[in-house]
N, C-alpha and C. Protein backbone atom coordinates (compact mmCIF):
# COMPACT_ATOMS: atom_id res chain seq x y z
N UNK A 1 -52.68 5.93 -71.69
CA UNK A 1 -52.63 6.60 -70.39
C UNK A 1 -52.75 8.11 -70.57
N UNK A 2 -53.62 8.77 -69.80
CA UNK A 2 -53.80 10.20 -69.87
C UNK A 2 -52.55 10.92 -69.38
N UNK A 3 -52.39 12.18 -69.85
CA UNK A 3 -51.21 12.96 -69.49
C UNK A 3 -51.09 13.14 -67.98
N UNK A 4 -52.21 13.48 -67.29
CA UNK A 4 -52.16 13.71 -65.84
C UNK A 4 -51.79 12.44 -65.11
N UNK A 5 -52.29 11.28 -65.59
CA UNK A 5 -51.95 10.01 -64.97
C UNK A 5 -50.47 9.70 -65.16
N UNK A 6 -49.94 10.03 -66.35
CA UNK A 6 -48.53 9.82 -66.61
C UNK A 6 -47.67 10.67 -65.69
N UNK A 7 -48.08 11.94 -65.51
CA UNK A 7 -47.35 12.82 -64.59
C UNK A 7 -47.35 12.24 -63.19
N UNK A 8 -48.52 11.78 -62.70
CA UNK A 8 -48.62 11.21 -61.36
C UNK A 8 -47.70 10.02 -61.19
N UNK A 9 -47.60 9.20 -62.23
CA UNK A 9 -46.77 8.00 -62.16
C UNK A 9 -45.30 8.35 -61.96
N UNK A 10 -44.89 9.51 -62.47
CA UNK A 10 -43.47 9.82 -62.47
C UNK A 10 -43.06 10.92 -61.48
N UNK A 11 -43.96 11.34 -60.60
CA UNK A 11 -43.59 12.32 -59.59
C UNK A 11 -42.40 11.85 -58.76
N UNK A 12 -42.38 10.57 -58.44
CA UNK A 12 -41.41 10.05 -57.48
C UNK A 12 -40.32 9.23 -58.14
N UNK A 13 -40.12 9.40 -59.46
CA UNK A 13 -39.02 8.77 -60.16
C UNK A 13 -37.95 9.80 -60.43
N UNK A 14 -36.73 9.35 -60.63
CA UNK A 14 -35.61 10.27 -60.83
C UNK A 14 -35.74 11.05 -62.13
N UNK A 15 -36.23 10.39 -63.18
CA UNK A 15 -36.31 11.03 -64.49
C UNK A 15 -37.73 10.95 -65.05
N UNK A 16 -38.56 11.96 -64.87
CA UNK A 16 -39.91 11.94 -65.42
C UNK A 16 -39.87 11.85 -66.94
N UNK A 17 -40.83 11.11 -67.52
CA UNK A 17 -40.85 10.88 -68.95
C UNK A 17 -41.70 11.91 -69.71
N UNK A 18 -42.56 12.61 -69.02
CA UNK A 18 -43.43 13.58 -69.69
C UNK A 18 -42.60 14.74 -70.25
N UNK A 19 -43.09 15.32 -71.33
CA UNK A 19 -42.41 16.43 -71.97
C UNK A 19 -42.38 17.65 -71.05
N UNK A 20 -41.22 18.29 -70.98
CA UNK A 20 -41.06 19.45 -70.11
C UNK A 20 -41.75 20.67 -70.71
N UNK A 21 -42.59 21.32 -69.88
CA UNK A 21 -43.25 22.56 -70.27
C UNK A 21 -43.29 23.48 -69.05
N UNK A 22 -42.20 24.17 -68.76
CA UNK A 22 -42.12 25.02 -67.57
C UNK A 22 -43.19 26.11 -67.54
N UNK A 23 -43.71 26.34 -66.35
CA UNK A 23 -44.73 27.38 -66.15
C UNK A 23 -44.37 28.19 -64.91
N UNK A 24 -44.40 29.48 -65.02
CA UNK A 24 -44.12 30.36 -63.88
C UNK A 24 -45.43 30.75 -63.21
N UNK A 25 -45.52 30.52 -61.90
CA UNK A 25 -46.70 30.92 -61.16
C UNK A 25 -46.30 31.91 -60.07
N UNK A 26 -47.26 32.65 -59.57
CA UNK A 26 -47.03 33.56 -58.45
C UNK A 26 -47.93 33.14 -57.30
N UNK A 27 -47.49 33.39 -56.09
CA UNK A 27 -48.27 33.01 -54.92
C UNK A 27 -47.93 33.93 -53.75
N UNK A 28 -48.90 34.07 -52.86
CA UNK A 28 -48.68 34.81 -51.62
C UNK A 28 -48.86 33.84 -50.46
N UNK A 29 -47.84 33.70 -49.65
CA UNK A 29 -47.86 32.82 -48.49
C UNK A 29 -47.22 33.55 -47.32
N UNK A 30 -47.85 33.49 -46.17
CA UNK A 30 -47.35 34.18 -44.97
C UNK A 30 -47.10 35.66 -45.26
N UNK A 31 -47.98 36.26 -46.03
CA UNK A 31 -47.89 37.67 -46.39
C UNK A 31 -46.62 38.00 -47.17
N UNK A 32 -46.06 36.99 -47.85
CA UNK A 32 -44.89 37.19 -48.69
C UNK A 32 -45.22 36.74 -50.11
N UNK A 33 -44.65 37.43 -51.09
CA UNK A 33 -44.89 37.10 -52.49
C UNK A 33 -43.79 36.18 -53.02
N UNK A 34 -44.19 35.22 -53.84
CA UNK A 34 -43.23 34.26 -54.40
C UNK A 34 -43.48 34.10 -55.89
N UNK A 35 -42.40 33.87 -56.63
CA UNK A 35 -42.45 33.49 -58.03
C UNK A 35 -41.83 32.09 -58.14
N UNK A 36 -42.58 31.15 -58.70
CA UNK A 36 -42.16 29.75 -58.67
C UNK A 36 -42.31 29.11 -60.04
N UNK A 37 -41.24 28.50 -60.51
CA UNK A 37 -41.28 27.73 -61.74
C UNK A 37 -41.76 26.32 -61.44
N UNK A 38 -42.73 25.84 -62.22
CA UNK A 38 -43.23 24.47 -62.09
C UNK A 38 -43.12 23.81 -63.47
N UNK A 39 -43.44 22.53 -63.53
CA UNK A 39 -43.32 21.82 -64.80
C UNK A 39 -44.12 20.53 -64.74
N UNK A 40 -44.41 19.98 -65.90
CA UNK A 40 -45.05 18.67 -65.95
C UNK A 40 -44.09 17.61 -65.43
N UNK A 41 -44.64 16.51 -64.91
CA UNK A 41 -43.81 15.47 -64.33
C UNK A 41 -43.34 15.79 -62.94
N UNK A 42 -43.84 16.90 -62.38
CA UNK A 42 -43.48 17.37 -61.04
C UNK A 42 -44.77 17.53 -60.23
N UNK A 43 -44.73 17.17 -58.97
CA UNK A 43 -45.93 17.24 -58.14
C UNK A 43 -46.51 18.64 -58.11
N UNK A 44 -47.82 18.73 -58.32
CA UNK A 44 -48.58 19.97 -58.23
C UNK A 44 -48.07 21.04 -59.19
N UNK A 45 -47.82 20.63 -60.45
CA UNK A 45 -47.36 21.62 -61.41
C UNK A 45 -48.51 22.57 -61.77
N UNK A 46 -48.15 23.82 -61.96
CA UNK A 46 -49.13 24.83 -62.35
C UNK A 46 -49.84 25.52 -61.22
N UNK A 47 -49.76 24.97 -60.02
CA UNK A 47 -50.39 25.59 -58.85
C UNK A 47 -49.84 24.95 -57.58
N UNK A 48 -49.96 25.65 -56.48
CA UNK A 48 -49.55 25.08 -55.19
C UNK A 48 -50.72 24.26 -54.65
N UNK A 49 -50.47 23.01 -54.32
CA UNK A 49 -51.53 22.15 -53.83
C UNK A 49 -52.01 22.60 -52.44
N UNK A 50 -53.22 22.24 -52.10
CA UNK A 50 -53.84 22.71 -50.85
C UNK A 50 -53.08 22.25 -49.62
N UNK A 51 -52.54 21.03 -49.65
CA UNK A 51 -51.81 20.53 -48.49
C UNK A 51 -50.55 21.34 -48.23
N UNK A 52 -49.76 21.56 -49.27
CA UNK A 52 -48.53 22.34 -49.11
C UNK A 52 -48.83 23.77 -48.68
N UNK A 53 -49.90 24.34 -49.24
CA UNK A 53 -50.27 25.70 -48.85
C UNK A 53 -50.63 25.77 -47.37
N UNK A 54 -51.41 24.78 -46.90
CA UNK A 54 -51.79 24.76 -45.49
C UNK A 54 -50.58 24.62 -44.58
N UNK A 55 -49.65 23.73 -44.96
CA UNK A 55 -48.46 23.53 -44.14
C UNK A 55 -47.58 24.78 -44.15
N UNK A 56 -47.45 25.40 -45.32
CA UNK A 56 -46.65 26.63 -45.42
C UNK A 56 -47.20 27.73 -44.52
N UNK A 57 -48.52 27.79 -44.39
CA UNK A 57 -49.15 28.81 -43.56
C UNK A 57 -49.09 28.48 -42.07
N UNK A 58 -48.64 27.26 -41.73
CA UNK A 58 -48.71 26.80 -40.34
C UNK A 58 -47.35 26.62 -39.69
N UNK A 59 -46.34 26.22 -40.44
CA UNK A 59 -45.04 25.86 -39.85
C UNK A 59 -44.44 27.01 -39.06
N UNK A 60 -43.68 26.64 -38.05
CA UNK A 60 -42.91 27.58 -37.25
C UNK A 60 -41.44 27.21 -37.36
N UNK A 61 -40.63 28.17 -37.73
CA UNK A 61 -39.19 27.96 -37.88
C UNK A 61 -38.47 28.79 -36.83
N UNK A 62 -37.58 28.15 -36.11
CA UNK A 62 -36.88 28.85 -35.03
C UNK A 62 -35.56 29.43 -35.53
N UNK A 63 -35.11 30.46 -34.84
CA UNK A 63 -33.86 31.12 -35.20
C UNK A 63 -32.71 30.13 -35.22
N UNK A 64 -31.94 30.12 -36.29
CA UNK A 64 -30.76 29.27 -36.39
C UNK A 64 -31.03 27.81 -36.69
N UNK A 65 -32.29 27.44 -36.92
CA UNK A 65 -32.63 26.03 -37.19
C UNK A 65 -31.91 25.50 -38.42
N UNK A 66 -31.53 24.23 -38.34
CA UNK A 66 -31.14 23.46 -39.52
C UNK A 66 -32.43 22.77 -39.98
N UNK A 67 -32.94 23.18 -41.13
CA UNK A 67 -34.25 22.73 -41.60
C UNK A 67 -34.09 21.78 -42.78
N UNK A 68 -34.90 20.73 -42.77
CA UNK A 68 -34.95 19.80 -43.89
C UNK A 68 -36.34 19.83 -44.50
N UNK A 69 -36.41 20.08 -45.81
CA UNK A 69 -37.65 19.94 -46.56
C UNK A 69 -37.55 18.60 -47.29
N UNK A 70 -38.23 17.58 -46.76
CA UNK A 70 -38.13 16.21 -47.28
C UNK A 70 -39.16 16.03 -48.40
N UNK A 71 -38.67 15.72 -49.61
CA UNK A 71 -39.55 15.61 -50.76
C UNK A 71 -39.98 16.99 -51.20
N UNK A 72 -39.01 17.82 -51.52
CA UNK A 72 -39.23 19.26 -51.66
C UNK A 72 -40.00 19.66 -52.91
N UNK A 73 -40.10 18.76 -53.90
CA UNK A 73 -40.73 19.16 -55.14
C UNK A 73 -40.00 20.34 -55.75
N UNK A 74 -40.75 21.36 -56.21
CA UNK A 74 -40.08 22.53 -56.77
C UNK A 74 -39.77 23.59 -55.72
N UNK A 75 -39.91 23.21 -54.44
CA UNK A 75 -39.30 24.02 -53.38
C UNK A 75 -40.19 24.90 -52.54
N UNK A 76 -41.50 24.76 -52.66
CA UNK A 76 -42.41 25.68 -51.97
C UNK A 76 -42.12 25.77 -50.47
N UNK A 77 -42.17 24.64 -49.78
CA UNK A 77 -42.06 24.66 -48.32
C UNK A 77 -40.68 25.12 -47.86
N UNK A 78 -39.64 24.63 -48.51
CA UNK A 78 -38.30 25.03 -48.12
C UNK A 78 -38.04 26.50 -48.33
N UNK A 79 -38.56 27.04 -49.42
CA UNK A 79 -38.38 28.46 -49.71
C UNK A 79 -39.15 29.32 -48.72
N UNK A 80 -40.36 28.92 -48.37
CA UNK A 80 -41.12 29.65 -47.35
C UNK A 80 -40.37 29.63 -46.03
N UNK A 81 -39.85 28.47 -45.64
CA UNK A 81 -39.11 28.36 -44.37
C UNK A 81 -37.89 29.28 -44.37
N UNK A 82 -37.16 29.30 -45.48
CA UNK A 82 -35.96 30.13 -45.57
C UNK A 82 -36.28 31.61 -45.50
N UNK A 83 -37.40 32.00 -46.09
CA UNK A 83 -37.80 33.40 -46.05
C UNK A 83 -38.36 33.79 -44.69
N UNK A 84 -39.02 32.83 -44.01
CA UNK A 84 -39.58 33.12 -42.69
C UNK A 84 -38.49 33.42 -41.67
N UNK A 85 -37.38 32.68 -41.76
CA UNK A 85 -36.32 32.83 -40.77
C UNK A 85 -34.96 32.85 -41.48
N UNK A 86 -34.49 34.03 -41.87
CA UNK A 86 -33.24 34.14 -42.63
C UNK A 86 -32.01 33.56 -41.91
N UNK A 87 -32.08 33.40 -40.59
CA UNK A 87 -30.93 32.87 -39.86
C UNK A 87 -30.84 31.34 -39.93
N UNK A 88 -31.88 30.70 -40.45
CA UNK A 88 -31.86 29.25 -40.53
C UNK A 88 -31.16 28.81 -41.82
N UNK A 89 -30.83 27.53 -41.91
CA UNK A 89 -30.31 26.97 -43.16
C UNK A 89 -31.22 25.83 -43.57
N UNK A 90 -31.69 25.87 -44.80
CA UNK A 90 -32.65 24.89 -45.28
C UNK A 90 -32.01 23.96 -46.30
N UNK A 91 -32.20 22.67 -46.11
CA UNK A 91 -31.79 21.66 -47.08
C UNK A 91 -33.04 21.09 -47.73
N UNK A 92 -33.13 21.22 -49.05
CA UNK A 92 -34.25 20.67 -49.79
C UNK A 92 -33.76 19.39 -50.47
N UNK A 93 -34.40 18.27 -50.19
CA UNK A 93 -34.01 17.01 -50.82
C UNK A 93 -35.15 16.50 -51.67
N UNK A 94 -34.84 16.09 -52.90
CA UNK A 94 -35.87 15.70 -53.87
C UNK A 94 -35.30 14.67 -54.83
N UNK A 95 -36.03 13.55 -55.00
CA UNK A 95 -35.55 12.47 -55.86
C UNK A 95 -35.77 12.77 -57.34
N UNK A 96 -36.79 13.56 -57.67
CA UNK A 96 -37.13 13.89 -59.04
C UNK A 96 -36.18 14.99 -59.55
N UNK A 97 -35.34 14.66 -60.53
CA UNK A 97 -34.31 15.61 -60.98
C UNK A 97 -34.91 16.89 -61.56
N UNK A 98 -36.00 16.74 -62.28
CA UNK A 98 -36.64 17.92 -62.86
C UNK A 98 -37.14 18.85 -61.76
N UNK A 99 -37.76 18.27 -60.74
CA UNK A 99 -38.24 19.07 -59.61
C UNK A 99 -37.08 19.73 -58.87
N UNK A 100 -35.99 18.98 -58.67
CA UNK A 100 -34.83 19.52 -57.97
C UNK A 100 -34.22 20.70 -58.71
N UNK A 101 -34.15 20.61 -60.04
CA UNK A 101 -33.62 21.72 -60.83
C UNK A 101 -34.53 22.93 -60.73
N UNK A 102 -35.84 22.69 -60.71
CA UNK A 102 -36.78 23.79 -60.52
C UNK A 102 -36.59 24.43 -59.15
N UNK A 103 -36.37 23.59 -58.13
CA UNK A 103 -36.15 24.12 -56.78
C UNK A 103 -34.92 25.03 -56.75
N UNK A 104 -33.85 24.60 -57.40
CA UNK A 104 -32.65 25.45 -57.48
C UNK A 104 -32.95 26.77 -58.18
N UNK A 105 -33.69 26.68 -59.27
CA UNK A 105 -34.07 27.88 -60.02
C UNK A 105 -34.95 28.79 -59.16
N UNK A 106 -35.82 28.19 -58.37
CA UNK A 106 -36.73 28.98 -57.54
C UNK A 106 -36.03 29.63 -56.35
N UNK A 107 -34.95 29.03 -55.87
CA UNK A 107 -34.14 29.70 -54.85
C UNK A 107 -33.61 31.01 -55.41
N UNK A 108 -33.11 30.96 -56.64
CA UNK A 108 -32.59 32.17 -57.27
C UNK A 108 -33.70 33.16 -57.58
N UNK A 109 -34.82 32.64 -58.06
CA UNK A 109 -35.97 33.49 -58.43
C UNK A 109 -36.47 34.29 -57.24
N UNK A 110 -36.34 33.70 -56.03
CA UNK A 110 -36.87 34.35 -54.83
C UNK A 110 -35.77 34.87 -53.91
N UNK A 111 -34.55 34.99 -54.46
CA UNK A 111 -33.41 35.57 -53.74
C UNK A 111 -33.17 34.90 -52.39
N UNK A 112 -33.25 33.56 -52.39
CA UNK A 112 -33.01 32.78 -51.17
C UNK A 112 -31.57 32.28 -51.18
N UNK A 113 -30.76 32.76 -50.23
CA UNK A 113 -29.35 32.37 -50.17
C UNK A 113 -29.06 31.35 -49.07
N UNK A 114 -29.99 31.19 -48.13
CA UNK A 114 -29.76 30.32 -46.98
C UNK A 114 -30.36 28.93 -47.19
N UNK A 115 -30.14 28.37 -48.38
CA UNK A 115 -30.72 27.05 -48.68
C UNK A 115 -29.88 26.34 -49.73
N UNK A 116 -30.02 25.02 -49.76
CA UNK A 116 -29.33 24.18 -50.74
C UNK A 116 -30.30 23.09 -51.19
N UNK A 117 -30.05 22.54 -52.38
CA UNK A 117 -30.87 21.46 -52.92
C UNK A 117 -30.00 20.23 -53.12
N UNK A 118 -30.49 19.08 -52.64
CA UNK A 118 -29.81 17.80 -52.82
C UNK A 118 -30.72 16.91 -53.66
N UNK A 119 -30.16 16.29 -54.68
CA UNK A 119 -30.92 15.42 -55.57
C UNK A 119 -30.71 13.96 -55.17
N UNK A 120 -31.82 13.25 -54.92
CA UNK A 120 -31.73 11.84 -54.58
C UNK A 120 -32.70 11.48 -53.47
N UNK A 121 -32.70 10.20 -53.10
CA UNK A 121 -33.56 9.71 -52.03
C UNK A 121 -33.02 10.17 -50.68
N UNK A 122 -33.91 10.68 -49.85
CA UNK A 122 -33.49 11.35 -48.61
C UNK A 122 -32.59 10.50 -47.71
N UNK A 123 -33.00 9.31 -47.28
CA UNK A 123 -32.17 8.59 -46.32
C UNK A 123 -30.74 8.36 -46.81
N UNK A 124 -30.61 7.96 -48.08
CA UNK A 124 -29.29 7.68 -48.62
C UNK A 124 -28.45 8.94 -48.81
N UNK A 125 -29.05 9.96 -49.36
CA UNK A 125 -28.31 11.19 -49.68
C UNK A 125 -27.93 11.98 -48.43
N UNK A 126 -28.76 11.88 -47.39
CA UNK A 126 -28.51 12.67 -46.18
C UNK A 126 -27.57 11.98 -45.21
N UNK A 127 -27.39 10.66 -45.38
CA UNK A 127 -26.51 9.87 -44.51
C UNK A 127 -26.82 10.17 -43.04
N UNK A 128 -25.83 10.62 -42.28
CA UNK A 128 -26.03 10.82 -40.85
C UNK A 128 -26.33 12.26 -40.46
N UNK A 129 -26.71 13.10 -41.41
CA UNK A 129 -26.95 14.51 -41.09
C UNK A 129 -28.13 14.68 -40.14
N UNK A 130 -28.00 15.63 -39.24
CA UNK A 130 -29.04 15.92 -38.25
C UNK A 130 -29.68 17.28 -38.57
N UNK A 131 -30.95 17.40 -38.15
CA UNK A 131 -31.70 18.64 -38.38
C UNK A 131 -32.49 19.01 -37.14
N UNK A 132 -32.83 20.30 -37.04
CA UNK A 132 -33.63 20.79 -35.91
C UNK A 132 -35.12 20.79 -36.25
N UNK A 133 -35.43 20.96 -37.53
CA UNK A 133 -36.82 20.96 -37.99
C UNK A 133 -36.90 20.21 -39.32
N UNK A 134 -37.86 19.32 -39.43
CA UNK A 134 -38.12 18.62 -40.69
C UNK A 134 -39.56 18.93 -41.10
N UNK A 135 -39.74 19.34 -42.35
CA UNK A 135 -41.07 19.63 -42.87
C UNK A 135 -41.31 18.78 -44.11
N UNK A 136 -42.54 18.30 -44.28
CA UNK A 136 -42.81 17.45 -45.44
C UNK A 136 -44.30 17.36 -45.74
N UNK A 137 -44.60 17.35 -47.02
CA UNK A 137 -45.88 16.90 -47.54
C UNK A 137 -45.57 15.51 -48.09
N UNK A 138 -45.69 14.48 -47.26
CA UNK A 138 -45.10 13.16 -47.59
C UNK A 138 -45.78 12.47 -48.77
N UNK A 139 -45.07 11.52 -49.38
CA UNK A 139 -45.57 10.84 -50.58
C UNK A 139 -46.61 9.77 -50.26
N UNK A 140 -47.80 10.21 -49.85
CA UNK A 140 -48.85 9.28 -49.45
C UNK A 140 -49.21 8.32 -50.59
N UNK A 141 -49.14 8.80 -51.83
CA UNK A 141 -49.51 7.95 -52.96
C UNK A 141 -48.53 6.81 -53.19
N UNK A 142 -47.36 6.89 -52.58
CA UNK A 142 -46.39 5.80 -52.68
C UNK A 142 -46.70 4.67 -51.71
N UNK A 143 -47.61 4.91 -50.79
CA UNK A 143 -48.03 3.85 -49.88
C UNK A 143 -47.60 4.08 -48.44
N UNK A 144 -48.20 3.29 -47.58
CA UNK A 144 -48.02 3.44 -46.14
C UNK A 144 -46.56 3.28 -45.71
N UNK A 145 -45.85 2.32 -46.28
CA UNK A 145 -44.49 2.05 -45.84
C UNK A 145 -43.57 3.25 -46.11
N UNK A 146 -43.78 3.94 -47.23
CA UNK A 146 -42.94 5.09 -47.56
C UNK A 146 -43.13 6.21 -46.55
N UNK A 147 -44.37 6.45 -46.14
CA UNK A 147 -44.64 7.51 -45.15
C UNK A 147 -44.10 7.10 -43.78
N UNK A 148 -44.29 5.86 -43.41
CA UNK A 148 -43.78 5.39 -42.12
C UNK A 148 -42.26 5.45 -42.08
N UNK A 149 -41.60 5.15 -43.20
CA UNK A 149 -40.14 5.27 -43.25
C UNK A 149 -39.70 6.70 -43.02
N UNK A 150 -40.41 7.64 -43.63
CA UNK A 150 -40.09 9.06 -43.45
C UNK A 150 -40.23 9.44 -41.98
N UNK A 151 -41.30 9.01 -41.35
CA UNK A 151 -41.53 9.36 -39.94
C UNK A 151 -40.47 8.74 -39.03
N UNK A 152 -40.17 7.48 -39.25
CA UNK A 152 -39.18 6.80 -38.40
C UNK A 152 -37.78 7.38 -38.60
N UNK A 153 -37.43 7.66 -39.84
CA UNK A 153 -36.12 8.25 -40.10
C UNK A 153 -36.03 9.65 -39.48
N UNK A 154 -37.11 10.41 -39.57
CA UNK A 154 -37.12 11.75 -38.99
C UNK A 154 -36.90 11.71 -37.49
N UNK A 155 -37.48 10.70 -36.84
CA UNK A 155 -37.35 10.59 -35.39
C UNK A 155 -35.89 10.44 -34.98
N UNK A 156 -35.11 9.70 -35.76
CA UNK A 156 -33.69 9.51 -35.43
C UNK A 156 -32.83 10.66 -35.95
N UNK A 157 -33.30 11.34 -36.98
CA UNK A 157 -32.50 12.39 -37.62
C UNK A 157 -32.65 13.76 -36.94
N UNK A 158 -33.70 13.93 -36.17
CA UNK A 158 -33.91 15.20 -35.49
C UNK A 158 -33.01 15.35 -34.28
N UNK A 159 -32.55 16.55 -34.05
CA UNK A 159 -31.77 16.85 -32.86
C UNK A 159 -32.67 16.86 -31.63
N UNK A 160 -32.08 16.92 -30.46
CA UNK A 160 -32.86 17.03 -29.24
C UNK A 160 -33.73 18.29 -29.32
N UNK A 161 -35.01 18.14 -28.98
CA UNK A 161 -35.99 19.21 -29.08
C UNK A 161 -36.33 19.56 -30.54
N UNK A 162 -35.95 18.68 -31.46
CA UNK A 162 -36.28 18.90 -32.87
C UNK A 162 -37.76 18.74 -33.13
N UNK A 163 -38.24 19.34 -34.24
CA UNK A 163 -39.66 19.34 -34.55
C UNK A 163 -39.91 18.76 -35.94
N UNK A 164 -40.97 17.97 -36.06
CA UNK A 164 -41.40 17.42 -37.33
C UNK A 164 -42.77 17.99 -37.67
N UNK A 165 -42.91 18.50 -38.89
CA UNK A 165 -44.17 19.05 -39.38
C UNK A 165 -44.59 18.28 -40.63
N UNK A 166 -45.79 17.72 -40.62
CA UNK A 166 -46.32 16.98 -41.76
C UNK A 166 -47.71 17.49 -42.11
N UNK A 167 -48.07 17.40 -43.39
CA UNK A 167 -49.45 17.62 -43.79
C UNK A 167 -49.91 16.38 -44.53
N UNK A 168 -51.05 15.82 -44.11
CA UNK A 168 -51.57 14.59 -44.69
C UNK A 168 -53.09 14.71 -44.79
N UNK A 169 -53.63 14.25 -45.89
CA UNK A 169 -55.08 14.26 -46.05
C UNK A 169 -55.70 13.29 -45.06
N UNK A 170 -56.82 13.69 -44.49
CA UNK A 170 -57.49 12.83 -43.52
C UNK A 170 -57.78 11.46 -44.12
N UNK A 171 -58.23 11.44 -45.37
CA UNK A 171 -58.52 10.18 -46.03
C UNK A 171 -57.26 9.44 -46.48
N UNK A 172 -56.11 10.11 -46.39
CA UNK A 172 -54.84 9.49 -46.75
C UNK A 172 -54.16 8.83 -45.58
N UNK A 173 -54.87 8.73 -44.45
CA UNK A 173 -54.31 8.03 -43.29
C UNK A 173 -53.75 8.93 -42.21
N UNK A 174 -54.19 10.18 -42.16
CA UNK A 174 -53.63 11.12 -41.19
C UNK A 174 -53.76 10.61 -39.76
N UNK A 175 -54.90 10.03 -39.41
CA UNK A 175 -55.09 9.55 -38.04
C UNK A 175 -54.14 8.39 -37.74
N UNK A 176 -53.94 7.51 -38.71
CA UNK A 176 -53.02 6.39 -38.52
C UNK A 176 -51.59 6.88 -38.30
N UNK A 177 -51.17 7.86 -39.09
CA UNK A 177 -49.82 8.37 -38.94
C UNK A 177 -49.68 9.18 -37.66
N UNK A 178 -50.76 9.79 -37.22
CA UNK A 178 -50.73 10.49 -35.93
C UNK A 178 -50.48 9.50 -34.81
N UNK A 179 -51.07 8.33 -34.91
CA UNK A 179 -50.86 7.28 -33.90
C UNK A 179 -49.38 6.88 -33.86
N UNK A 180 -48.76 6.72 -35.03
CA UNK A 180 -47.34 6.37 -35.06
C UNK A 180 -46.49 7.48 -34.48
N UNK A 181 -46.80 8.72 -34.79
CA UNK A 181 -46.07 9.85 -34.21
C UNK A 181 -46.15 9.83 -32.69
N UNK A 182 -47.34 9.53 -32.17
CA UNK A 182 -47.53 9.49 -30.71
C UNK A 182 -46.72 8.37 -30.07
N UNK A 183 -46.48 7.30 -30.81
CA UNK A 183 -45.68 6.19 -30.29
C UNK A 183 -44.19 6.51 -30.30
N UNK A 184 -43.75 7.32 -31.26
CA UNK A 184 -42.32 7.57 -31.43
C UNK A 184 -41.82 8.85 -30.75
N UNK A 185 -42.71 9.84 -30.61
CA UNK A 185 -42.30 11.14 -30.09
C UNK A 185 -42.96 11.41 -28.74
N UNK A 186 -42.24 12.11 -27.84
CA UNK A 186 -42.83 12.46 -26.55
C UNK A 186 -44.06 13.36 -26.68
N UNK A 187 -44.07 14.20 -27.72
CA UNK A 187 -45.21 15.10 -27.94
C UNK A 187 -45.63 15.02 -29.40
N UNK A 188 -46.92 14.86 -29.64
CA UNK A 188 -47.46 14.86 -31.01
C UNK A 188 -48.88 15.38 -30.98
N UNK A 189 -49.17 16.33 -31.84
CA UNK A 189 -50.51 16.94 -31.86
C UNK A 189 -50.94 17.21 -33.30
N UNK A 190 -52.24 17.29 -33.49
CA UNK A 190 -52.81 17.79 -34.75
C UNK A 190 -53.00 19.29 -34.57
N UNK A 191 -52.27 20.07 -35.33
CA UNK A 191 -52.26 21.52 -35.15
C UNK A 191 -53.49 22.16 -35.76
N UNK A 192 -53.84 21.73 -36.96
CA UNK A 192 -54.99 22.32 -37.65
C UNK A 192 -55.57 21.34 -38.64
N UNK A 193 -56.85 21.52 -38.96
CA UNK A 193 -57.55 20.72 -39.96
C UNK A 193 -58.27 21.68 -40.89
N UNK A 194 -58.04 21.51 -42.21
CA UNK A 194 -58.67 22.42 -43.16
C UNK A 194 -58.70 21.77 -44.54
N UNK A 195 -59.85 21.86 -45.21
CA UNK A 195 -59.96 21.36 -46.56
C UNK A 195 -59.68 19.88 -46.71
N UNK A 196 -59.90 19.12 -45.63
CA UNK A 196 -59.64 17.70 -45.67
C UNK A 196 -58.23 17.31 -45.29
N UNK A 197 -57.36 18.31 -45.04
CA UNK A 197 -55.98 18.05 -44.68
C UNK A 197 -55.75 18.31 -43.19
N UNK A 198 -54.77 17.62 -42.65
CA UNK A 198 -54.37 17.81 -41.26
C UNK A 198 -52.88 18.12 -41.18
N UNK A 199 -52.53 19.13 -40.40
CA UNK A 199 -51.12 19.42 -40.11
C UNK A 199 -50.77 18.75 -38.79
N UNK A 200 -49.81 17.83 -38.85
CA UNK A 200 -49.37 17.09 -37.68
C UNK A 200 -48.02 17.63 -37.23
N UNK A 201 -47.85 17.77 -35.91
CA UNK A 201 -46.62 18.33 -35.35
C UNK A 201 -46.12 17.42 -34.24
N UNK A 202 -44.87 16.99 -34.36
CA UNK A 202 -44.27 16.15 -33.31
C UNK A 202 -42.99 16.81 -32.83
N UNK A 203 -42.79 16.74 -31.52
CA UNK A 203 -41.62 17.38 -30.91
C UNK A 203 -40.79 16.33 -30.19
N UNK A 204 -39.51 16.33 -30.51
CA UNK A 204 -38.58 15.37 -29.90
C UNK A 204 -37.89 16.06 -28.74
N UNK A 205 -38.14 15.56 -27.52
CA UNK A 205 -37.52 16.13 -26.34
C UNK A 205 -36.81 15.05 -25.56
N UNK A 206 -35.80 15.45 -24.82
CA UNK A 206 -35.10 14.50 -23.97
C UNK A 206 -36.03 13.98 -22.90
N UNK A 207 -35.94 12.70 -22.61
CA UNK A 207 -36.77 12.12 -21.56
C UNK A 207 -36.16 12.44 -20.19
N UNK A 208 -36.99 12.87 -19.29
CA UNK A 208 -36.53 13.18 -17.93
C UNK A 208 -37.14 12.18 -16.95
N UNK A 209 -36.30 11.58 -16.18
CA UNK A 209 -36.77 10.60 -15.20
C UNK A 209 -37.48 11.29 -14.04
N UNK A 210 -38.59 10.75 -13.65
CA UNK A 210 -39.32 11.32 -12.52
C UNK A 210 -38.64 10.89 -11.21
N UNK A 211 -38.62 11.80 -10.29
CA UNK A 211 -38.02 11.48 -8.99
C UNK A 211 -39.00 10.77 -8.11
């Protein structure tokens, strides 16, 4: 098995088997500079993937939001969210221990104090916690059921008027997941399309009875 294939196999496992070789990268997102540690056995090591970059450039974080970065990897989206709105609190959840440790290191590297990292599978580790905004580059390679679970759990985990932001490759089923979002949320739209990726946005609002 090739090294890259081995890394891909272990992105979503708790303990990646590939040898650790940390790499520091720099990036500019939302006109802000970031220093980020990445590693083998972690999604998109050595560079920020196009989907995460597109979502980072698109998300909107509201003042005081409780934000969840679901499947945070080494922390790109959660760190951008925390820097965009210092009054918010960001929870980064990641099942891959190596990625989670990198995320913690990257919080320090980028002087982010309004965030925390939780290691483990999101539904179990988060229990009944509620959030105002959930952002994710979901694990499409794990299959349809994993992405649908994320969407369904987000629908129940979001507070009233909460927002869900996803980035999914068009060929990875973006239209299909948009259909599910439209079934579960009062409002769901495709915000932008670029480089084969789509940013999907769903808003949870209280239902008002018509008179």
